[in-house]
Amino acid sequence: MSYLWWTFLSVLAYALVAPLVSLATEEIPSEVVIVTTNSMLVVVAVVLLVFSDASVSEYLTHDSAVYMYAAGVVLTIGIVSYYRALELGPVSIVAPLFGTFFVLSAIIGVAFLGEVLTLRKGLGIVLAGVAIWLVSG
């Protein structure tokens, strides 16, 4: 499958995360939901790794490993914060505000990773920002 199909699949799956976490945290503490859902992710990731030909040990000290560890730190902060927000607030506000990371990631890609900003991409970033603002209000 191409990266676009994986992207669409991730969007469809992730669209269900906020409502399901919100429902779960009505009766279950967000910490329990975080551990359970992310343990499921870890189990699947380990299975995928076992069936791949990748060797973990050689990448733990790789030159790019610092980015992997930094991603782990910010992912942890993001997921814990997101689950706590869903426990405390309405999905209709939390999820769209959380969705601003798409816009911020696109801006970071252009500003720091050398990705090309075309008029179409720029307009898409602006419209996505406007959409998030409209939905979260």
Protein backbone atom coordinates (compact mmCIF):
# COMPACT_ATOMS: atom_id res chain seq x y z
CA MET A 1 0.00 0.00 0.00
CA SER A 2 1.18 3.52 -0.69
CA TYR A 3 1.68 6.04 2.08
CA LEU A 4 -1.61 7.74 1.15
CA TRP A 5 -3.64 4.61 1.89
CA TRP A 6 -1.84 4.21 5.21
CA THR A 7 -2.60 7.87 5.91
CA PHE A 8 -6.32 7.46 5.17
CA LEU A 9 -6.46 4.31 7.29
CA SER A 10 -4.80 6.13 10.19
CA VAL A 11 -7.24 9.04 9.89
CA LEU A 12 -10.24 6.71 9.90
CA ALA A 13 -8.93 4.77 12.91
CA TYR A 14 -7.81 7.85 14.82
CA ALA A 15 -11.21 9.52 14.26
CA LEU A 16 -12.64 6.90 16.61
CA VAL A 17 -10.01 7.35 19.33
CA ALA A 18 -11.38 10.57 20.86
CA PRO A 19 -15.00 9.41 21.18
CA LEU A 20 -13.95 6.00 22.55
CA VAL A 21 -11.48 7.48 25.04
CA SER A 22 -14.09 10.01 26.13
CA LEU A 23 -16.64 7.25 26.73
CA ALA A 24 -14.08 5.11 28.56
CA THR A 25 -12.92 7.94 30.83
CA GLU A 26 -16.46 8.62 32.00
CA GLU A 27 -16.04 5.61 34.30
CA ILE A 28 -12.33 4.70 34.07
CA PRO A 29 -9.42 7.00 35.08
CA SER A 30 -7.49 8.33 32.10
CA GLU A 31 -4.27 6.77 33.45
CA VAL A 32 -5.83 3.30 33.20
CA VAL A 33 -7.08 4.02 29.68
CA ILE A 34 -3.62 5.30 28.66
CA VAL A 35 -1.87 2.17 29.94
CA THR A 36 -4.40 -0.20 28.40
CA THR A 37 -4.62 1.39 24.95
CA ASN A 38 -0.91 2.02 24.65
CA SER A 39 -0.07 -1.50 25.87
CA MET A 40 -2.16 -2.79 22.99
CA LEU A 41 -0.11 -0.57 20.66
CA VAL A 42 3.17 -1.87 22.11
CA VAL A 43 2.11 -5.52 21.72
CA VAL A 44 1.21 -4.99 18.06
CA ALA A 45 4.43 -3.04 17.44
CA VAL A 46 6.51 -5.86 18.96
CA VAL A 47 4.72 -8.44 16.81
CA LEU A 48 5.39 -6.32 13.70
CA LEU A 49 9.04 -6.02 14.72
CA VAL A 50 9.40 -9.76 15.27
CA PHE A 51 8.10 -10.44 11.76
CA SER A 52 10.30 -7.79 10.16
CA ASP A 53 14.00 -8.07 9.51
CA ALA A 54 14.86 -4.98 11.58
CA SER A 55 17.35 -5.27 14.43
CA VAL A 56 16.50 -3.03 17.36
CA SER A 57 19.93 -2.98 18.98
CA GLU A 58 21.73 -1.46 16.02
CA TYR A 59 19.35 1.50 15.98
CA LEU A 60 19.44 2.32 19.70
CA THR A 61 22.76 4.14 19.25
CA HIS A 62 22.28 5.18 15.64
CA ASP A 63 23.07 8.82 14.76
CA SER A 64 19.35 9.46 14.25
CA ALA A 65 18.32 7.76 17.52
CA VAL A 66 18.18 11.12 19.27
CA TYR A 67 15.16 11.98 17.10
CA MET A 68 13.54 8.66 17.99
CA TYR A 69 13.99 9.33 21.71
CA ALA A 70 12.78 12.93 21.38
CA ALA A 71 9.72 11.68 19.48
CA GLY A 72 9.03 9.26 22.33
CA VAL A 73 9.17 12.05 24.89
CA VAL A 74 6.86 14.41 23.01
CA LEU A 75 4.51 11.56 22.02
CA THR A 76 4.21 10.63 25.69
CA ILE A 77 3.45 14.23 26.66
CA GLY A 78 0.94 14.54 23.81
CA ILE A 79 -0.93 11.29 24.49
CA VAL A 80 -1.11 11.79 28.27
CA SER A 81 -2.31 15.37 27.78
CA TYR A 82 -4.83 14.36 25.11
CA TYR A 83 -6.34 11.57 27.22
CA ARG A 84 -6.57 13.87 30.25
CA ALA A 85 -8.24 16.57 28.14
CA LEU A 86 -10.75 14.00 26.83
CA GLU A 87 -11.45 12.92 30.39
CA LEU A 88 -12.19 16.51 31.43
CA GLY A 89 -13.67 18.15 28.33
CA PRO A 90 -16.08 17.53 25.46
CA VAL A 91 -14.86 15.64 22.39
CA SER A 92 -16.39 18.31 20.17
CA ILE A 93 -13.86 20.85 21.49
CA VAL A 94 -10.87 18.72 22.53
CA ALA A 95 -10.55 16.74 19.28
CA PRO A 96 -10.55 19.75 16.91
CA LEU A 97 -8.07 21.62 19.10
CA PHE A 98 -5.90 18.51 19.21
CA GLY A 99 -6.19 18.47 15.42
CA THR A 100 -4.14 21.66 15.24
CA PHE A 101 -1.10 19.42 15.41
CA PHE A 102 -1.72 18.62 11.73
CA VAL A 103 -1.33 22.29 10.85
CA LEU A 104 1.65 22.75 13.16
CA SER A 105 3.35 19.63 11.78
CA ALA A 106 2.93 20.90 8.21
CA ILE A 107 4.41 24.28 9.17
CA ILE A 108 7.34 22.59 10.95
CA GLY A 109 7.92 20.39 7.89
CA VAL A 110 8.23 23.46 5.69
CA ALA A 111 10.15 25.63 8.16
CA PHE A 112 12.65 23.09 9.47
CA LEU A 113 12.69 20.01 7.24
CA GLY A 114 13.07 21.73 3.89
CA GLU A 115 9.71 20.63 2.52
CA VAL A 116 8.45 22.78 -0.33
CA LEU A 117 5.62 25.20 0.40
CA THR A 118 3.48 25.56 -2.69
CA LEU A 119 0.53 27.90 -2.98
CA ARG A 120 -1.78 24.88 -2.78
CA LYS A 121 -0.12 23.55 0.40
CA GLY A 122 -0.10 26.99 1.97
CA LEU A 123 -3.77 27.46 1.23
CA GLY A 124 -4.47 23.99 2.62
CA ILE A 125 -2.65 24.82 5.86
CA VAL A 126 -4.60 28.06 6.22
CA LEU A 127 -7.93 26.39 5.45
CA ALA A 128 -7.18 23.55 7.87
CA GLY A 129 -6.45 26.12 10.56
CA VAL A 130 -9.68 27.95 9.82
CA ALA A 131 -11.63 24.68 9.86
CA ILE A 132 -10.19 23.71 13.24
CA TRP A 133 -11.03 27.14 14.61
CA LEU A 134 -14.61 26.95 13.28
CA VAL A 135 -15.25 23.43 14.58
CA SER A 136 -13.83 24.10 18.04
CA GLY A 137 -15.87 27.25 18.63
